């Protein structure tokens, strides 16, 4: 069975979700990102998430979120995913150690546009420093659209 045939199978979304959960467990247990296990899991999740047939999409937030070009690229990727039919967008903050107001604003604006296009948005792998900023500003609820609780797990 080819990759193209696998992507058309109805269980692909569930496999992608299980792999994302597996990666979150790797993060929770501090499995190094450069380990073979973590690399294999993440590569598989990205491959499944990038499939045009997938209703879910994982978008890795760039480490250089303070850079205006990186922000524009990230925002465009989020908006394109939603416009392309992704119903669930997971914003992966694994590479982000800190965030400024411009970077956080770009994430919020892109997430609002994605929700406007009918996609849900969740945060994942948010480190302690970034989580503090998100929690203090209440932007977790704005990004995820969840008035009850913020989004995503810890790093």
N, C-alpha and C. Protein backbone atom coordinates (compact mmCIF):
# COMPACT_ATOMS: atom_id res chain seq x y z
N UNK A 1 0.85 -1.17 0.00
CA UNK A 1 0.00 0.00 0.00
C UNK A 1 0.90 1.24 0.00
N UNK A 2 0.63 2.18 -0.87
CA UNK A 2 1.46 3.38 -0.97
C UNK A 2 1.01 4.43 0.04
N UNK A 3 1.87 5.44 0.25
CA UNK A 3 1.48 6.54 1.14
C UNK A 3 0.21 7.21 0.67
N UNK A 4 0.06 7.36 -0.63
CA UNK A 4 -1.13 8.01 -1.17
C UNK A 4 -2.39 7.20 -0.80
N UNK A 5 -2.32 5.87 -0.90
CA UNK A 5 -3.47 5.04 -0.54
C UNK A 5 -3.75 5.10 0.96
N UNK A 6 -2.72 5.13 1.78
CA UNK A 6 -2.89 5.20 3.22
C UNK A 6 -3.61 6.49 3.61
N UNK A 7 -3.27 7.59 2.97
CA UNK A 7 -3.88 8.87 3.31
C UNK A 7 -5.38 8.90 3.02
N UNK A 8 -5.84 8.04 2.14
CA UNK A 8 -7.26 8.02 1.82
C UNK A 8 -8.05 7.12 2.77
N UNK A 9 -7.37 6.37 3.60
CA UNK A 9 -8.05 5.49 4.55
C UNK A 9 -8.75 6.31 5.62
N UNK A 10 -9.91 5.89 6.09
CA UNK A 10 -10.66 6.68 7.06
C UNK A 10 -10.00 6.77 8.44
N UNK A 11 -9.09 5.89 8.76
CA UNK A 11 -8.48 5.91 10.09
C UNK A 11 -7.24 6.80 10.19
N UNK A 12 -6.88 7.49 9.11
CA UNK A 12 -5.67 8.30 9.13
C UNK A 12 -5.75 9.42 10.18
N UNK A 13 -6.90 10.07 10.31
CA UNK A 13 -7.03 11.13 11.31
C UNK A 13 -6.78 10.58 12.71
N UNK A 14 -7.32 9.43 13.00
CA UNK A 14 -7.14 8.83 14.33
C UNK A 14 -5.67 8.48 14.56
N UNK A 15 -5.01 7.96 13.54
CA UNK A 15 -3.58 7.65 13.67
C UNK A 15 -2.79 8.91 13.95
N UNK A 16 -3.10 9.98 13.23
CA UNK A 16 -2.42 11.25 13.45
C UNK A 16 -2.61 11.74 14.87
N UNK A 17 -3.84 11.63 15.39
CA UNK A 17 -4.12 12.07 16.76
C UNK A 17 -3.33 11.23 17.76
N UNK A 18 -3.28 9.92 17.54
CA UNK A 18 -2.52 9.05 18.44
C UNK A 18 -1.03 9.39 18.41
N UNK A 19 -0.51 9.69 17.24
CA UNK A 19 0.90 10.06 17.15
C UNK A 19 1.17 11.39 17.85
N UNK A 20 0.26 12.34 17.70
CA UNK A 20 0.43 13.62 18.40
C UNK A 20 0.42 13.39 19.91
N UNK A 21 -0.47 12.52 20.38
CA UNK A 21 -0.52 12.21 21.80
C UNK A 21 0.77 11.53 22.24
N UNK A 22 1.28 10.64 21.40
CA UNK A 22 2.54 9.95 21.71
C UNK A 22 3.67 10.96 21.84
N UNK A 23 3.68 11.93 20.94
CA UNK A 23 4.73 12.95 20.99
C UNK A 23 4.59 13.80 22.25
N UNK A 24 3.38 14.10 22.64
CA UNK A 24 3.15 14.86 23.88
C UNK A 24 3.67 14.08 25.07
N UNK A 25 3.49 12.77 25.05
CA UNK A 25 4.01 11.93 26.14
C UNK A 25 5.54 11.97 26.13
N UNK A 26 6.14 11.92 24.93
CA UNK A 26 7.60 12.03 24.84
C UNK A 26 8.06 13.35 25.46
N UNK A 27 7.35 14.43 25.16
CA UNK A 27 7.69 15.73 25.74
C UNK A 27 7.54 15.71 27.26
N UNK A 28 6.44 15.14 27.74
CA UNK A 28 6.18 15.11 29.18
C UNK A 28 7.27 14.35 29.93
N UNK A 29 7.83 13.35 29.28
CA UNK A 29 8.89 12.55 29.91
C UNK A 29 10.27 13.01 29.50
N UNK A 30 10.32 14.17 28.88
CA UNK A 30 11.56 14.83 28.50
C UNK A 30 12.45 13.96 27.61
N UNK A 31 11.81 13.25 26.67
CA UNK A 31 12.57 12.53 25.67
C UNK A 31 13.22 13.60 24.78
N UNK A 32 14.53 13.59 24.63
CA UNK A 32 15.18 14.64 23.85
C UNK A 32 14.63 14.73 22.43
N UNK A 33 14.44 15.97 21.96
CA UNK A 33 13.88 16.20 20.62
C UNK A 33 14.79 15.62 19.54
N UNK A 34 16.08 15.48 19.84
CA UNK A 34 16.98 14.95 18.82
C UNK A 34 17.14 13.43 18.92
N UNK A 35 16.34 12.79 19.79
CA UNK A 35 16.41 11.33 19.87
C UNK A 35 15.76 10.71 18.66
N UNK A 36 16.14 9.51 18.34
CA UNK A 36 15.59 8.82 17.18
C UNK A 36 14.08 8.61 17.33
N UNK A 37 13.62 8.26 18.53
CA UNK A 37 12.19 8.05 18.76
C UNK A 37 11.40 9.32 18.52
N UNK A 38 11.82 10.41 19.13
CA UNK A 38 11.10 11.68 18.97
C UNK A 38 11.11 12.12 17.51
N UNK A 39 12.24 12.00 16.85
CA UNK A 39 12.33 12.40 15.44
C UNK A 39 11.40 11.57 14.56
N UNK A 40 11.35 10.27 14.80
CA UNK A 40 10.47 9.40 14.00
C UNK A 40 9.00 9.72 14.23
N UNK A 41 8.63 9.93 15.48
CA UNK A 41 7.24 10.27 15.79
C UNK A 41 6.86 11.59 15.14
N UNK A 42 7.71 12.60 15.32
CA UNK A 42 7.37 13.92 14.78
C UNK A 42 7.31 13.90 13.26
N UNK A 43 8.25 13.23 12.62
CA UNK A 43 8.24 13.15 11.15
C UNK A 43 6.96 12.48 10.65
N UNK A 44 6.52 11.45 11.34
CA UNK A 44 5.29 10.76 10.94
C UNK A 44 4.08 11.67 11.13
N UNK A 45 4.02 12.38 12.24
CA UNK A 45 2.91 13.31 12.49
C UNK A 45 2.89 14.39 11.42
N UNK A 46 4.05 14.97 11.11
CA UNK A 46 4.09 16.02 10.10
C UNK A 46 3.65 15.50 8.74
N UNK A 47 4.07 14.30 8.38
CA UNK A 47 3.70 13.73 7.08
C UNK A 47 2.20 13.51 7.01
N UNK A 48 1.62 12.96 8.07
CA UNK A 48 0.17 12.76 8.08
C UNK A 48 -0.58 14.09 8.10
N UNK A 49 -0.08 15.03 8.89
CA UNK A 49 -0.76 16.31 9.03
C UNK A 49 -0.70 17.13 7.75
N UNK A 50 0.35 16.96 6.96
CA UNK A 50 0.50 17.73 5.74
C UNK A 50 -0.34 17.18 4.59
N UNK A 51 -0.92 16.03 4.79
CA UNK A 51 -1.74 15.43 3.74
C UNK A 51 -2.93 16.32 3.43
N UNK A 52 -3.17 16.62 2.15
CA UNK A 52 -4.32 17.45 1.81
C UNK A 52 -5.64 16.81 2.21
N UNK A 53 -5.67 15.50 2.35
CA UNK A 53 -6.91 14.82 2.73
C UNK A 53 -7.14 14.83 4.23
N UNK A 54 -6.15 15.24 5.00
CA UNK A 54 -6.27 15.20 6.45
C UNK A 54 -7.10 16.38 6.94
N UNK A 55 -8.00 16.10 7.86
CA UNK A 55 -8.81 17.17 8.44
C UNK A 55 -8.06 17.87 9.56
N UNK A 56 -6.94 17.30 10.01
CA UNK A 56 -6.15 17.90 11.08
C UNK A 56 -4.82 18.37 10.51
N UNK A 57 -4.28 19.42 11.10
CA UNK A 57 -3.00 19.94 10.63
C UNK A 57 -2.19 20.42 11.83
N UNK A 58 -0.95 19.99 11.93
CA UNK A 58 -0.03 20.45 12.97
C UNK A 58 0.87 21.49 12.33
N UNK A 59 0.92 22.68 12.94
CA UNK A 59 1.78 23.74 12.42
C UNK A 59 2.78 24.09 13.51
N UNK A 60 4.03 23.95 13.17
CA UNK A 60 5.11 24.23 14.11
C UNK A 60 5.36 25.73 14.15
N UNK A 61 5.22 26.32 15.31
CA UNK A 61 5.45 27.75 15.48
C UNK A 61 6.97 27.98 15.48
N UNK A 62 7.45 28.93 14.66
CA UNK A 62 8.91 29.11 14.54
C UNK A 62 9.55 29.67 15.80
N UNK A 63 10.76 29.23 16.04
CA UNK A 63 11.54 29.70 17.18
C UNK A 63 11.77 31.21 17.09
N UNK A 64 11.83 31.70 15.87
CA UNK A 64 12.11 33.12 15.61
C UNK A 64 10.82 33.92 15.46
N UNK A 65 9.88 33.68 16.35
CA UNK A 65 8.57 34.33 16.26
C UNK A 65 8.68 35.85 16.41
N UNK A 66 9.79 36.35 16.93
CA UNK A 66 10.00 37.78 17.03
C UNK A 66 10.33 38.42 15.69
N UNK A 67 10.70 37.62 14.70
CA UNK A 67 11.05 38.11 13.37
C UNK A 67 9.78 38.32 12.54
N UNK A 68 9.56 39.53 12.02
CA UNK A 68 8.33 39.79 11.25
C UNK A 68 8.13 38.86 10.06
N UNK A 69 9.22 38.49 9.37
CA UNK A 69 9.08 37.58 8.23
C UNK A 69 8.61 36.20 8.69
N UNK A 70 9.16 35.72 9.81
CA UNK A 70 8.75 34.42 10.35
C UNK A 70 7.29 34.46 10.77
N UNK A 71 6.86 35.59 11.36
CA UNK A 71 5.46 35.74 11.77
C UNK A 71 4.53 35.68 10.56
N UNK A 72 4.90 36.39 9.50
CA UNK A 72 4.06 36.40 8.29
C UNK A 72 3.97 35.00 7.69
N UNK A 73 5.10 34.31 7.64
CA UNK A 73 5.11 32.95 7.09
C UNK A 73 4.24 32.02 7.91
N UNK A 74 4.36 32.11 9.24
CA UNK A 74 3.56 31.28 10.13
C UNK A 74 2.08 31.59 9.97
N UNK A 75 1.72 32.87 9.95
CA UNK A 75 0.32 33.27 9.82
C UNK A 75 -0.25 32.77 8.50
N UNK A 76 0.53 32.89 7.43
CA UNK A 76 0.07 32.41 6.12
C UNK A 76 -0.15 30.90 6.14
N UNK A 77 0.73 30.17 6.81
CA UNK A 77 0.59 28.71 6.89
C UNK A 77 -0.68 28.32 7.64
N UNK A 78 -0.98 29.03 8.73
CA UNK A 78 -2.19 28.75 9.50
C UNK A 78 -3.42 29.06 8.66
N UNK A 79 -3.42 30.21 8.02
CA UNK A 79 -4.57 30.62 7.21
C UNK A 79 -4.76 29.68 6.01
N UNK A 80 -3.67 29.26 5.38
CA UNK A 80 -3.75 28.34 4.24
C UNK A 80 -4.29 26.98 4.67
N UNK A 81 -3.89 26.53 5.85
CA UNK A 81 -4.38 25.25 6.35
C UNK A 81 -5.90 25.31 6.51
N UNK A 82 -6.38 26.39 7.11
CA UNK A 82 -7.82 26.54 7.32
C UNK A 82 -8.55 26.68 5.99
N UNK A 83 -8.00 27.49 5.10
CA UNK A 83 -8.63 27.67 3.78
C UNK A 83 -8.60 26.38 2.97
N UNK A 84 -7.59 25.54 3.24
CA UNK A 84 -7.47 24.27 2.52
C UNK A 84 -8.33 23.15 3.08
N UNK A 85 -9.12 23.45 4.10
CA UNK A 85 -10.05 22.46 4.62
C UNK A 85 -9.68 21.81 5.94
N UNK A 86 -8.56 22.21 6.54
CA UNK A 86 -8.22 21.64 7.85
C UNK A 86 -9.29 22.06 8.85
N UNK A 87 -9.83 21.08 9.56
CA UNK A 87 -10.86 21.38 10.57
C UNK A 87 -10.28 21.54 11.95
N UNK A 88 -9.09 20.98 12.17
CA UNK A 88 -8.42 21.04 13.47
C UNK A 88 -6.98 21.47 13.22
N UNK A 89 -6.58 22.57 13.81
CA UNK A 89 -5.22 23.06 13.65
C UNK A 89 -4.56 23.07 15.02
N UNK A 90 -3.43 22.37 15.13
CA UNK A 90 -2.66 22.32 16.37
C UNK A 90 -1.42 23.18 16.16
N UNK A 91 -1.27 24.19 17.00
CA UNK A 91 -0.11 25.06 16.94
C UNK A 91 0.93 24.53 17.91
N UNK A 92 2.03 24.00 17.36
CA UNK A 92 3.07 23.35 18.15
C UNK A 92 4.15 24.37 18.52
N UNK A 93 4.23 24.70 19.80
CA UNK A 93 5.17 25.69 20.32
C UNK A 93 6.47 25.06 20.82
N UNK A 94 6.78 23.83 20.42
CA UNK A 94 7.94 23.11 20.96
C UNK A 94 9.25 23.88 20.80
N UNK A 95 9.40 24.65 19.74
CA UNK A 95 10.66 25.34 19.48
C UNK A 95 10.70 26.76 20.06
N UNK A 96 9.61 27.21 20.66
CA UNK A 96 9.50 28.60 21.11
C UNK A 96 9.82 28.70 22.60
N UNK A 97 10.90 29.41 22.93
CA UNK A 97 11.30 29.57 24.33
C UNK A 97 10.72 30.85 24.92
N UNK A 98 10.50 31.86 24.09
CA UNK A 98 9.92 33.12 24.55
C UNK A 98 9.15 33.73 23.40
N UNK A 99 8.29 34.68 23.74
CA UNK A 99 7.46 35.31 22.72
C UNK A 99 7.27 36.78 23.07
N UNK A 100 7.27 37.63 22.06
CA UNK A 100 7.01 39.05 22.29
C UNK A 100 5.57 39.35 21.89
N UNK A 101 5.15 40.60 22.12
CA UNK A 101 3.75 40.95 21.85
C UNK A 101 3.42 40.83 20.37
N UNK A 102 4.38 41.15 19.49
CA UNK A 102 4.14 41.03 18.06
C UNK A 102 3.93 39.59 17.64
N UNK A 103 4.74 38.70 18.19
CA UNK A 103 4.62 37.28 17.87
C UNK A 103 3.31 36.70 18.37
N UNK A 104 2.98 37.04 19.61
CA UNK A 104 1.73 36.54 20.18
C UNK A 104 0.53 37.11 19.43
N UNK A 105 0.62 38.38 19.05
CA UNK A 105 -0.46 39.00 18.27
C UNK A 105 -0.65 38.31 16.94
N UNK A 106 0.45 37.93 16.29
CA UNK A 106 0.36 37.25 15.00
C UNK A 106 -0.32 35.88 15.15
N UNK A 107 0.01 35.17 16.23
CA UNK A 107 -0.62 33.87 16.48
C UNK A 107 -2.12 34.05 16.71
N UNK A 108 -2.47 35.03 17.53
CA UNK A 108 -3.88 35.28 17.84
C UNK A 108 -4.66 35.64 16.58
N UNK A 109 -4.13 36.56 15.77
CA UNK A 109 -4.83 36.98 14.56
C UNK A 109 -5.01 35.82 13.58
N UNK A 110 -3.97 35.03 13.39
CA UNK A 110 -4.06 33.89 12.47
C UNK A 110 -5.06 32.86 13.00
N UNK A 111 -5.05 32.63 14.32
CA UNK A 111 -5.98 31.67 14.91
C UNK A 111 -7.42 32.14 14.75
N UNK A 112 -7.65 33.43 14.91
CA UNK A 112 -9.01 33.97 14.72
C UNK A 112 -9.47 33.77 13.28
N UNK A 113 -8.58 34.01 12.32
CA UNK A 113 -8.93 33.81 10.91
C UNK A 113 -9.22 32.34 10.64
N UNK A 114 -8.42 31.45 11.23
CA UNK A 114 -8.64 30.01 11.05
C UNK A 114 -9.99 29.60 11.61
N UNK A 115 -10.31 30.10 12.81
CA UNK A 115 -11.62 29.79 13.40
C UNK A 115 -12.75 30.34 12.55
N UNK A 116 -12.52 31.54 11.97
CA UNK A 116 -13.51 32.13 11.08
C UNK A 116 -13.76 31.28 9.84
N UNK A 117 -12.75 30.51 9.45
CA UNK A 117 -12.88 29.61 8.30
C UNK A 117 -13.41 28.24 8.72
N UNK A 118 -13.75 28.09 10.00
CA UNK A 118 -14.37 26.86 10.46
C UNK A 118 -13.44 25.86 11.12
N UNK A 119 -12.19 26.22 11.37
CA UNK A 119 -11.24 25.30 12.00
C UNK A 119 -11.18 25.55 13.51
N UNK A 120 -10.99 24.47 14.26
CA UNK A 120 -10.70 24.63 15.69
C UNK A 120 -9.19 24.80 15.81
N UNK A 121 -8.75 25.48 16.86
CA UNK A 121 -7.33 25.74 17.05
C UNK A 121 -6.96 25.33 18.47
N UNK A 122 -5.86 24.59 18.60
CA UNK A 122 -5.37 24.17 19.91
C UNK A 122 -3.88 24.45 19.99
N UNK A 123 -3.39 24.66 21.20
CA UNK A 123 -1.97 24.88 21.44
C UNK A 123 -1.35 23.60 22.00
N UNK A 124 -0.11 23.32 21.62
CA UNK A 124 0.58 22.14 22.13
C UNK A 124 2.03 22.47 22.42
N UNK A 125 2.61 21.73 23.34
CA UNK A 125 4.04 21.83 23.67
C UNK A 125 4.45 23.25 24.04
N UNK A 126 3.62 23.90 24.82
CA UNK A 126 3.91 25.28 25.24
C UNK A 126 4.81 25.23 26.47
N UNK A 127 5.99 25.83 26.37
CA UNK A 127 6.94 25.86 27.46
C UNK A 127 6.45 26.76 28.59
N UNK A 128 7.09 26.65 29.73
CA UNK A 128 6.67 27.36 30.94
C UNK A 128 6.66 28.88 30.76
N UNK A 129 7.70 29.44 30.16
CA UNK A 129 7.78 30.90 30.00
C UNK A 129 6.67 31.40 29.08
N UNK A 130 6.47 30.72 27.97
CA UNK A 130 5.43 31.12 27.03
C UNK A 130 4.05 30.88 27.63
N UNK A 131 3.88 29.77 28.35
CA UNK A 131 2.60 29.47 29.01
C UNK A 131 2.25 30.57 30.00
N UNK A 132 3.23 31.07 30.73
CA UNK A 132 2.98 32.13 31.69
C UNK A 132 2.44 33.37 30.99
N UNK A 133 3.07 33.76 29.88
CA UNK A 133 2.61 34.93 29.13
C UNK A 133 1.20 34.70 28.60
N UNK A 134 0.95 33.54 28.05
CA UNK A 134 -0.37 33.23 27.51
C UNK A 134 -1.42 33.24 28.61
N UNK A 135 -1.10 32.64 29.75
CA UNK A 135 -2.05 32.60 30.87
C UNK A 135 -2.31 33.98 31.45
N UNK A 136 -1.24 34.76 31.64
CA UNK A 136 -1.40 36.10 32.22
C UNK A 136 -2.22 37.03 31.35
N UNK A 137 -2.09 36.88 30.03
CA UNK A 137 -2.82 37.75 29.11
C UNK A 137 -4.20 37.21 28.77
N UNK A 138 -4.46 35.93 29.11
CA UNK A 138 -5.74 35.32 28.76
C UNK A 138 -5.83 34.97 27.28
N UNK A 139 -4.70 35.00 26.58
CA UNK A 139 -4.73 34.76 25.15
C UNK A 139 -4.91 33.30 24.78
N UNK A 140 -4.71 32.39 25.71
CA UNK A 140 -4.96 30.97 25.41
C UNK A 140 -6.41 30.76 25.02
N UNK A 141 -7.31 31.42 25.73
CA UNK A 141 -8.73 31.30 25.42
C UNK A 141 -9.05 31.95 24.08
N UNK A 142 -8.40 33.06 23.78
CA UNK A 142 -8.64 33.75 22.52
C UNK A 142 -8.16 32.90 21.35
N UNK A 143 -6.95 32.33 21.49
CA UNK A 143 -6.39 31.52 20.42
C UNK A 143 -7.23 30.27 20.19
N UNK A 144 -7.55 29.56 21.29
CA UNK A 144 -8.27 28.30 21.13
C UNK A 144 -9.76 28.50 20.92
N UNK A 145 -10.26 29.69 21.25
CA UNK A 145 -11.69 29.93 21.13
C UNK A 145 -12.48 29.28 22.24
N UNK A 146 -11.78 28.85 23.29
CA UNK A 146 -12.40 28.15 24.40
C UNK A 146 -12.48 29.09 25.58
N UNK A 147 -13.68 29.58 25.85
CA UNK A 147 -13.85 30.53 26.96
C UNK A 147 -13.62 29.86 28.31
N UNK A 148 -13.57 28.54 28.33
CA UNK A 148 -13.43 27.85 29.60
C UNK A 148 -12.04 27.49 29.98
N UNK A 149 -11.08 27.41 29.06
CA UNK A 149 -9.84 26.91 29.58
C UNK A 149 -8.57 27.01 28.81
N UNK A 150 -8.15 27.71 27.91
CA UNK A 150 -6.80 27.64 27.36
C UNK A 150 -6.60 26.40 26.55
N UNK A 151 -5.45 26.25 25.95
CA UNK A 151 -5.27 25.07 25.12
C UNK A 151 -3.92 24.48 25.27
N UNK A 152 -3.79 23.22 25.00
CA UNK A 152 -2.50 22.58 24.82
C UNK A 152 -1.80 22.17 26.07
N UNK A 153 -0.81 21.34 25.87
CA UNK A 153 -0.09 20.77 27.00
C UNK A 153 1.20 21.46 27.25
N UNK A 154 1.88 21.01 28.26
CA UNK A 154 3.19 21.56 28.61
C UNK A 154 4.28 20.91 27.84
N UNK A 155 5.44 21.42 28.01
CA UNK A 155 6.60 20.93 27.26
C UNK A 155 7.44 20.04 28.09
